[in-house]
Amino acid sequence: MAGRKPTPADVRFAEKCKPVESGCIEWTGGGTTNGYGLFSAGGRMHTAHRWAYEREHGPKPSDIDICHRCDNRRCVNLSHLFEGTRKDNMEDAVRKGRTSKGKPRLYMQGVNHHQAKMTEEQVLLIRKLAAEGHSIQDIMRYVPATYMIIHRIINRATWTHI
């Protein structure tokens, strides 16, 4: 009983790549971790950009990052990738303004915060209702937030900039 011949990894990889207008070649495969594409080859999972880079340039030690010039985590375009230490990668991120280091504090506050789930309008409504004497349970009927989130907003433990 003969089974179907397995598809080579480089063919499977190419099927999951899509060129986009920016010049990036984006990974369209299903799996991701922290926004980086995942690719299974050789019996283990790899980040797609690292697999592509190492396929072209050979294996790299685990303490070497494969960095993106384009800052697109899904990009597997070899001309957009370079190797560097974690320090190199972090310095690149700071230089390009992808971190809060060196930016005004407001950069990581409010709707700009990566975990923000509320708008400034909702925060202002919460504070207005609290000032009018509404309980947190009443406010929860108007704004989709937990008791603790509303409590922290009212007491200015969060959203302190407005």
C-alpha atoms as a PDB file:
ATOM      1  CA  MET A   1       0.000   0.000   0.000  1.00  0.00           C
ATOM      2  CA  ALA A   2       1.720   3.151  -1.230  1.00  0.00           C
ATOM      3  CA  GLY A   3       0.887   6.484   0.352  1.00  0.00           C
ATOM      4  CA  ARG A   4       1.071   9.905  -1.145  1.00  0.00           C
ATOM      5  CA  LYS A   5       4.581  11.295  -1.386  1.00  0.00           C
ATOM      6  CA  PRO A   6       5.124  14.079   1.177  1.00  0.00           C
ATOM      7  CA  THR A   7       5.360  17.606  -0.182  1.00  0.00           C
ATOM      8  CA  PRO A   8       8.861  19.061   0.346  1.00  0.00           C
ATOM      9  CA  ALA A   9       9.116  21.744   3.051  1.00  0.00           C
ATOM     10  CA  ASP A  10      10.280  24.472   0.653  1.00  0.00           C
ATOM     11  CA  VAL A  11       7.241  23.840  -1.596  1.00  0.00           C
ATOM     12  CA  ARG A  12       4.860  23.936   1.389  1.00  0.00           C
ATOM     13  CA  PHE A  13       6.584  27.119   2.590  1.00  0.00           C
ATOM     14  CA  ALA A  14       6.259  28.863  -0.786  1.00  0.00           C
ATOM     15  CA  GLU A  15       2.529  28.039  -0.896  1.00  0.00           C
ATOM     16  CA  LYS A  16       2.055  30.073   2.281  1.00  0.00           C
ATOM     17  CA  CYS A  17       3.828  33.243   1.096  1.00  0.00           C
ATOM     18  CA  LYS A  18       2.146  36.246  -0.510  1.00  0.00           C
ATOM     19  CA  PRO A  19       3.916  39.316  -1.928  1.00  0.00           C
ATOM     20  CA  VAL A  20       2.280  42.596  -0.848  1.00  0.00           C
ATOM     21  CA  GLU A  21       2.501  46.153  -2.136  1.00  0.00           C
ATOM     22  CA  SER A  22       5.010  47.243   0.527  1.00  0.00           C
ATOM     23  CA  GLY A  23       7.606  44.824  -0.866  1.00  0.00           C
ATOM     24  CA  CYS A  24       7.179  42.405   1.994  1.00  0.00           C
ATOM     25  CA  ILE A  25       6.428  38.760   1.373  1.00  0.00           C
ATOM     26  CA  GLU A  26       3.888  37.942   4.052  1.00  0.00           C
ATOM     27  CA  TRP A  27       3.402  34.593   5.725  1.00  0.00           C
ATOM     28  CA  THR A  28      -0.211  33.473   5.254  1.00  0.00           C
ATOM     29  CA  GLY A  29       0.059  30.173   7.122  1.00  0.00           C
ATOM     30  CA  GLY A  30      -2.360  29.668   9.981  1.00  0.00           C
ATOM     31  CA  GLY A  31      -0.142  29.554  13.034  1.00  0.00           C
ATOM     32  CA  THR A  32       1.469  32.568  14.656  1.00  0.00           C
ATOM     33  CA  THR A  33       3.234  33.423  17.886  1.00  0.00           C
ATOM     34  CA  ASN A  34       3.428  37.092  18.917  1.00  0.00           C
ATOM     35  CA  GLY A  35       2.582  37.986  15.310  1.00  0.00           C
ATOM     36  CA  TYR A  36       5.394  35.894  13.808  1.00  0.00           C
ATOM     37  CA  GLY A  37       4.357  33.163  11.366  1.00  0.00           C
ATOM     38  CA  LEU A  38       4.917  29.555  12.375  1.00  0.00           C
ATOM     39  CA  PHE A  39       6.065  26.801  10.038  1.00  0.00           C
ATOM     40  CA  SER A  40       6.458  23.104  10.732  1.00  0.00           C
ATOM     41  CA  ALA A  41       9.455  21.396   9.137  1.00  0.00           C
ATOM     42  CA  GLY A  42      11.776  18.602  10.164  1.00  0.00           C
ATOM     43  CA  GLY A  43       9.425  17.506  12.916  1.00  0.00           C
ATOM     44  CA  ARG A  44       9.441  20.836  14.782  1.00  0.00           C
ATOM     45  CA  MET A  45       7.962  24.316  14.689  1.00  0.00           C
ATOM     46  CA  HIS A  46      10.000  27.289  13.474  1.00  0.00           C
ATOM     47  CA  THR A  47       9.195  30.959  13.093  1.00  0.00           C
ATOM     48  CA  ALA A  48       8.651  31.360   9.368  1.00  0.00           C
ATOM     49  CA  HIS A  49      11.095  34.239   8.919  1.00  0.00           C
ATOM     50  CA  ARG A  50      13.866  32.390  10.763  1.00  0.00           C
ATOM     51  CA  TRP A  51      13.249  29.185   8.781  1.00  0.00           C
ATOM     52  CA  ALA A  52      13.486  31.149   5.499  1.00  0.00           C
ATOM     53  CA  TYR A  53      16.649  32.958   6.607  1.00  0.00           C
ATOM     54  CA  GLU A  54      18.386  29.815   7.828  1.00  0.00           C
ATOM     55  CA  ARG A  55      17.360  27.933   4.683  1.00  0.00           C
ATOM     56  CA  GLU A  56      19.287  30.542   2.698  1.00  0.00           C
ATOM     57  CA  HIS A  57      22.182  31.318   5.063  1.00  0.00           C
ATOM     58  CA  GLY A  58      22.534  28.186   7.187  1.00  0.00           C
ATOM     59  CA  PRO A  59      21.699  27.551  10.855  1.00  0.00           C
ATOM     60  CA  LYS A  60      22.258  30.324  13.385  1.00  0.00           C
ATOM     61  CA  PRO A  61      22.827  29.988  17.130  1.00  0.00           C
ATOM     62  CA  SER A  62      19.720  30.464  19.280  1.00  0.00           C
ATOM     63  CA  ASP A  63      21.181  33.654  20.778  1.00  0.00           C
ATOM     64  CA  ILE A  64      21.101  35.292  17.336  1.00  0.00           C
ATOM     65  CA  ASP A  65      17.828  36.979  16.354  1.00  0.00           C
ATOM     66  CA  ILE A  66      16.608  37.209  12.791  1.00  0.00           C
ATOM     67  CA  CYS A  67      15.446  40.819  12.621  1.00  0.00           C
ATOM     68  CA  HIS A  68      13.129  42.649  10.214  1.00  0.00           C
ATOM     69  CA  ARG A  69      14.206  45.853   8.472  1.00  0.00           C
ATOM     70  CA  CYS A  70      10.553  46.352   7.526  1.00  0.00           C
ATOM     71  CA  ASP A  71       9.199  45.777  11.084  1.00  0.00           C
ATOM     72  CA  ASN A  72       6.551  43.422   9.637  1.00  0.00           C
ATOM     73  CA  ARG A  73       6.570  40.298  11.792  1.00  0.00           C
ATOM     74  CA  ARG A  74       4.839  38.263   9.071  1.00  0.00           C
ATOM     75  CA  CYS A  75       7.446  39.189   6.452  1.00  0.00           C
ATOM     76  CA  VAL A  76       9.676  36.397   5.119  1.00  0.00           C
ATOM     77  CA  ASN A  77      11.355  38.431   2.363  1.00  0.00           C
ATOM     78  CA  LEU A  78      15.051  37.577   2.671  1.00  0.00           C
ATOM     79  CA  SER A  79      16.088  41.087   1.636  1.00  0.00           C
ATOM     80  CA  HIS A  80      14.138  42.447   4.630  1.00  0.00           C
ATOM     81  CA  LEU A  81      15.829  40.134   7.157  1.00  0.00           C
ATOM     82  CA  PHE A  82      19.149  40.459   8.944  1.00  0.00           C
ATOM     83  CA  GLU A  83      20.806  38.739  11.857  1.00  0.00           C
ATOM     84  CA  GLY A  84      21.737  40.413  15.096  1.00  0.00           C
ATOM     85  CA  THR A  85      21.894  39.959  18.824  1.00  0.00           C
ATOM     86  CA  ARG A  86      18.859  40.619  21.015  1.00  0.00           C
ATOM     87  CA  LYS A  87      20.561  43.924  21.946  1.00  0.00           C
ATOM     88  CA  ASP A  88      20.884  44.827  18.242  1.00  0.00           C
ATOM     89  CA  ASN A  89      17.204  44.032  17.736  1.00  0.00           C
ATOM     90  CA  MET A  90      16.125  46.145  20.724  1.00  0.00           C
ATOM     91  CA  GLU A  91      18.318  49.073  19.675  1.00  0.00           C
ATOM     92  CA  ASP A  92      16.801  48.849  16.181  1.00  0.00           C
ATOM     93  CA  ALA A  93      13.315  48.988  17.723  1.00  0.00           C
ATOM     94  CA  VAL A  94      14.203  52.058  19.817  1.00  0.00           C
ATOM     95  CA  ARG A  95      15.813  53.785  16.812  1.00  0.00           C
ATOM     96  CA  LYS A  96      12.651  53.222  14.773  1.00  0.00           C
ATOM     97  CA  GLY A  97      10.352  54.367  17.560  1.00  0.00           C
ATOM     98  CA  ARG A  98       8.702  50.976  18.098  1.00  0.00           C
ATOM     99  CA  THR A  99       9.125  51.140  21.885  1.00  0.00           C
ATOM    100  CA  SER A 100       8.148  53.622  24.553  1.00  0.00           C
ATOM    101  CA  LYS A 101      11.823  54.374  25.340  1.00  0.00           C
ATOM    102  CA  GLY A 102      12.622  57.950  24.437  1.00  0.00           C
ATOM    103  CA  LYS A 103       9.002  58.799  23.629  1.00  0.00           C
ATOM    104  CA  PRO A 104       6.694  61.026  25.615  1.00  0.00           C
ATOM    105  CA  ARG A 105       4.909  59.138  28.386  1.00  0.00           C
ATOM    106  CA  LEU A 106       1.572  59.632  26.610  1.00  0.00           C
ATOM    107  CA  TYR A 107       2.714  57.283  23.851  1.00  0.00           C
ATOM    108  CA  MET A 108       1.871  54.223  25.957  1.00  0.00           C
ATOM    109  CA  GLN A 109      -1.223  55.618  27.649  1.00  0.00           C
ATOM    110  CA  GLY A 110      -4.916  55.486  26.896  1.00  0.00           C
ATOM    111  CA  VAL A 111      -5.937  54.193  23.493  1.00  0.00           C
ATOM    112  CA  ASN A 112      -2.244  54.014  22.517  1.00  0.00           C
ATOM    113  CA  HIS A 113      -1.592  51.333  25.131  1.00  0.00           C
ATOM    114  CA  HIS A 114      -1.360  47.868  23.585  1.00  0.00           C
ATOM    115  CA  GLN A 115      -3.911  46.491  26.057  1.00  0.00           C
ATOM    116  CA  ALA A 116      -6.442  49.338  25.811  1.00  0.00           C
ATOM    117  CA  LYS A 117     -10.006  48.157  25.499  1.00  0.00           C
ATOM    118  CA  MET A 118     -11.756  51.452  26.164  1.00  0.00           C
ATOM    119  CA  THR A 119     -12.021  54.782  24.454  1.00  0.00           C
ATOM    120  CA  GLU A 120     -11.459  58.162  26.060  1.00  0.00           C
ATOM    121  CA  GLU A 121     -15.184  58.849  25.611  1.00  0.00           C
ATOM    122  CA  GLN A 122     -16.045  55.777  27.698  1.00  0.00           C
ATOM    123  CA  VAL A 123     -13.585  56.792  30.414  1.00  0.00           C
ATOM    124  CA  LEU A 124     -15.047  60.308  30.539  1.00  0.00           C
ATOM    125  CA  LEU A 125     -18.563  58.842  30.730  1.00  0.00           C
ATOM    126  CA  ILE A 126     -17.538  56.610  33.644  1.00  0.00           C
ATOM    127  CA  ARG A 127     -16.109  59.559  35.542  1.00  0.00           C
ATOM    128  CA  LYS A 128     -19.132  61.738  34.761  1.00  0.00           C
ATOM    129  CA  LEU A 129     -21.570  59.087  35.976  1.00  0.00           C
ATOM    130  CA  ALA A 130     -19.518  58.503  39.135  1.00  0.00           C
ATOM    131  CA  ALA A 131     -19.444  62.253  39.835  1.00  0.00           C
ATOM    132  CA  GLU A 132     -23.241  62.307  39.480  1.00  0.00           C
ATOM    133  CA  GLY A 133     -23.442  59.683  42.227  1.00  0.00           C
ATOM    134  CA  HIS A 134     -24.034  56.528  40.176  1.00  0.00           C
ATOM    135  CA  SER A 135     -22.719  53.310  41.706  1.00  0.00           C
ATOM    136  CA  ILE A 136     -20.189  51.162  39.883  1.00  0.00           C
ATOM    137  CA  GLN A 137     -22.935  48.561  39.314  1.00  0.00           C
ATOM    138  CA  ASP A 138     -25.069  51.255  37.626  1.00  0.00           C
ATOM    139  CA  ILE A 139     -22.130  52.368  35.487  1.00  0.00           C
ATOM    140  CA  MET A 140     -21.545  48.758  34.381  1.00  0.00           C
ATOM    141  CA  ARG A 141     -24.964  48.945  32.645  1.00  0.00           C
ATOM    142  CA  TYR A 142     -23.740  51.812  30.447  1.00  0.00           C
ATOM    143  CA  VAL A 143     -20.138  50.785  29.821  1.00  0.00           C
ATOM    144  CA  PRO A 144     -18.975  47.224  29.058  1.00  0.00           C
ATOM    145  CA  ALA A 145     -16.288  46.943  31.730  1.00  0.00           C
ATOM    146  CA  THR A 146     -15.684  45.001  34.910  1.00  0.00           C
ATOM    147  CA  TYR A 147     -16.194  46.369  38.391  1.00  0.00           C
ATOM    148  CA  MET A 148     -12.430  46.591  38.981  1.00  0.00           C
ATOM    149  CA  ILE A 149     -11.719  48.438  35.722  1.00  0.00           C
ATOM    150  CA  ILE A 150     -14.407  51.014  36.483  1.00  0.00           C
ATOM    151  CA  HIS A 151     -13.166  51.347  40.067  1.00  0.00           C
ATOM    152  CA  ARG A 152      -9.598  51.959  38.856  1.00  0.00           C
ATOM    153  CA  ILE A 153     -10.771  54.560  36.310  1.00  0.00           C
ATOM    154  CA  ILE A 154     -12.862  56.431  38.887  1.00  0.00           C
ATOM    155  CA  ASN A 155      -9.957  56.452  41.344  1.00  0.00           C
ATOM    156  CA  ARG A 156      -7.504  57.496  38.613  1.00  0.00           C
ATOM    157  CA  ALA A 157      -5.329  54.406  38.974  1.00  0.00           C
ATOM    158  CA  THR A 158      -5.617  54.101  35.193  1.00  0.00           C
ATOM    159  CA  TRP A 159      -6.263  56.611  32.432  1.00  0.00           C
ATOM    160  CA  THR A 160      -4.516  59.208  34.610  1.00  0.00           C
ATOM    161  CA  HIS A 161      -3.689  61.441  31.652  1.00  0.00           C
ATOM    162  CA  ILE A 162      -7.328  62.500  31.116  1.00  0.00           C
END
